[in-house]
Amino acid sequence: MTEREELEMWKRMYLRAVRGMEDAIQALTRTEREAEALYIETGLPQGPQGAGES
């Protein structure tokens, strides 16, 4: 494998890893928003005043 081929391989690996991380961050962000929306829909008390109350 030439140096140029090796550099191309590392570049492809790096780009694949970064894209995967970006996808994971987007999935986590989307899931957090969905969970927050569900919490808001339930009408549960928000903030410290609601903590510990049933």
N, C-alpha and C. Protein backbone atom coordinates (compact mmCIF):
# COMPACT_ATOMS: atom_id res chain seq x y z
N MET A 1 0.86 -1.17 0.00
CA MET A 1 0.00 0.00 0.00
C MET A 1 0.91 1.24 0.00
N THR A 2 0.62 2.13 -0.90
CA THR A 2 1.43 3.35 -0.96
C THR A 2 1.02 4.30 0.15
N GLU A 3 1.84 5.29 0.38
CA GLU A 3 1.53 6.29 1.40
C GLU A 3 0.23 7.02 1.05
N ARG A 4 0.05 7.32 -0.22
CA ARG A 4 -1.16 8.01 -0.66
C ARG A 4 -2.41 7.16 -0.41
N GLU A 5 -2.31 5.86 -0.71
CA GLU A 5 -3.44 4.95 -0.47
C GLU A 5 -3.75 4.85 1.02
N GLU A 6 -2.70 4.82 1.82
CA GLU A 6 -2.91 4.74 3.27
C GLU A 6 -3.59 6.01 3.79
N LEU A 7 -3.16 7.16 3.29
CA LEU A 7 -3.79 8.41 3.69
C LEU A 7 -5.26 8.45 3.29
N GLU A 8 -5.57 7.95 2.10
CA GLU A 8 -6.96 7.90 1.64
C GLU A 8 -7.79 6.98 2.53
N MET A 9 -7.20 5.85 2.93
CA MET A 9 -7.89 4.92 3.81
C MET A 9 -8.22 5.59 5.15
N TRP A 10 -7.22 6.28 5.73
CA TRP A 10 -7.43 6.96 7.00
C TRP A 10 -8.48 8.06 6.87
N LYS A 11 -8.45 8.76 5.74
CA LYS A 11 -9.44 9.82 5.49
C LYS A 11 -10.84 9.23 5.45
N ARG A 12 -11.02 8.11 4.73
CA ARG A 12 -12.33 7.47 4.64
C ARG A 12 -12.79 6.99 6.02
N MET A 13 -11.87 6.41 6.78
CA MET A 13 -12.22 5.93 8.12
C MET A 13 -12.64 7.10 9.02
N TYR A 14 -11.89 8.18 8.96
CA TYR A 14 -12.19 9.35 9.77
C TYR A 14 -13.56 9.93 9.40
N LEU A 15 -13.81 10.09 8.10
CA LEU A 15 -15.09 10.66 7.67
C LEU A 15 -16.26 9.76 8.05
N ARG A 16 -16.08 8.45 7.94
CA ARG A 16 -17.14 7.53 8.34
C ARG A 16 -17.42 7.65 9.84
N ALA A 17 -16.37 7.74 10.64
CA ALA A 17 -16.54 7.87 12.09
C ALA A 17 -17.24 9.18 12.45
N VAL A 18 -16.84 10.27 11.81
CA VAL A 18 -17.45 11.57 12.11
C VAL A 18 -18.92 11.57 11.71
N ARG A 19 -19.23 11.02 10.54
CA ARG A 19 -20.64 10.95 10.11
C ARG A 19 -21.46 10.12 11.09
N GLY A 20 -20.91 9.01 11.55
CA GLY A 20 -21.60 8.18 12.52
C GLY A 20 -21.86 8.93 13.82
N MET A 21 -20.87 9.69 14.27
CA MET A 21 -21.04 10.48 15.50
C MET A 21 -22.10 11.57 15.31
N GLU A 22 -22.09 12.21 14.15
CA GLU A 22 -23.11 13.22 13.87
C GLU A 22 -24.50 12.61 13.87
N ASP A 23 -24.64 11.43 13.26
CA ASP A 23 -25.93 10.74 13.25
C ASP A 23 -26.38 10.41 14.68
N ALA A 24 -25.44 9.95 15.49
CA ALA A 24 -25.77 9.60 16.88
C ALA A 24 -26.21 10.83 17.67
N ILE A 25 -25.52 11.94 17.50
CA ILE A 25 -25.89 13.17 18.20
C ILE A 25 -27.28 13.63 17.77
N GLN A 26 -27.56 13.56 16.47
CA GLN A 26 -28.88 13.95 15.99
C GLN A 26 -29.96 13.04 16.55
N ALA A 27 -29.70 11.74 16.62
CA ALA A 27 -30.67 10.80 17.18
C ALA A 27 -30.92 11.09 18.66
N LEU A 28 -29.87 11.35 19.42
CA LEU A 28 -30.02 11.66 20.84
C LEU A 28 -30.79 12.97 21.04
N THR A 29 -30.50 13.97 20.22
CA THR A 29 -31.19 15.25 20.33
C THR A 29 -32.67 15.09 20.00
N ARG A 30 -32.96 14.34 18.94
CA ARG A 30 -34.35 14.10 18.55
C ARG A 30 -35.10 13.35 19.66
N THR A 31 -34.46 12.34 20.22
CA THR A 31 -35.08 11.56 21.29
C THR A 31 -35.33 12.40 22.52
N GLU A 32 -34.39 13.27 22.86
CA GLU A 32 -34.57 14.15 24.02
C GLU A 32 -35.76 15.09 23.79
N ARG A 33 -35.87 15.65 22.60
CA ARG A 33 -37.00 16.54 22.31
C ARG A 33 -38.33 15.78 22.40
N GLU A 34 -38.36 14.56 21.88
CA GLU A 34 -39.58 13.76 21.94
C GLU A 34 -39.95 13.45 23.39
N ALA A 35 -38.96 13.12 24.20
CA ALA A 35 -39.22 12.82 25.61
C ALA A 35 -39.73 14.07 26.35
N GLU A 36 -39.13 15.22 26.06
CA GLU A 36 -39.58 16.46 26.68
C GLU A 36 -41.02 16.79 26.26
N ALA A 37 -41.34 16.56 24.99
CA ALA A 37 -42.70 16.81 24.51
C ALA A 37 -43.69 15.91 25.22
N LEU A 38 -43.34 14.64 25.41
CA LEU A 38 -44.23 13.73 26.14
C LEU A 38 -44.44 14.20 27.58
N TYR A 39 -43.38 14.65 28.21
CA TYR A 39 -43.47 15.14 29.58
C TYR A 39 -44.41 16.34 29.65
N ILE A 40 -44.25 17.25 28.71
CA ILE A 40 -45.10 18.45 28.69
C ILE A 40 -46.55 18.07 28.44
N GLU A 41 -46.79 17.10 27.55
CA GLU A 41 -48.15 16.67 27.23
C GLU A 41 -48.86 16.09 28.45
N THR A 42 -48.12 15.48 29.37
CA THR A 42 -48.75 14.86 30.53
C THR A 42 -49.27 15.89 31.51
N GLY A 43 -48.78 17.12 31.43
CA GLY A 43 -49.23 18.17 32.33
C GLY A 43 -48.68 18.03 33.73
N LEU A 44 -47.61 17.28 33.89
CA LEU A 44 -47.01 17.13 35.21
C LEU A 44 -46.41 18.44 35.65
N PRO A 45 -46.39 18.68 36.97
CA PRO A 45 -45.79 19.93 37.46
C PRO A 45 -44.33 20.04 37.02
N GLN A 46 -43.93 21.26 36.74
CA GLN A 46 -42.56 21.49 36.31
C GLN A 46 -41.82 22.29 37.38
N GLY A 47 -40.54 22.07 37.47
CA GLY A 47 -39.73 22.83 38.39
C GLY A 47 -39.66 22.22 39.78
N PRO A 48 -38.92 22.87 40.67
CA PRO A 48 -38.69 22.33 42.01
C PRO A 48 -39.96 22.22 42.86
N GLN A 49 -40.94 23.09 42.62
CA GLN A 49 -42.15 23.05 43.42
C GLN A 49 -42.91 21.74 43.26
N GLY A 50 -42.72 21.06 42.13
CA GLY A 50 -43.41 19.80 41.89
C GLY A 50 -42.63 18.58 42.33
N ALA A 51 -41.41 18.77 42.75
CA ALA A 51 -40.56 17.64 43.12
C ALA A 51 -41.10 16.97 44.37
N GLY A 52 -41.23 15.66 44.32
CA GLY A 52 -41.65 14.89 45.48
C GLY A 52 -43.15 14.86 45.69
N GLU A 53 -43.92 15.58 44.90
CA GLU A 53 -45.36 15.59 45.06
C GLU A 53 -45.99 14.54 44.16
N SER A 54 -47.08 13.95 44.57
CA SER A 54 -47.77 12.96 43.75
C SER A 54 -49.09 13.48 43.28
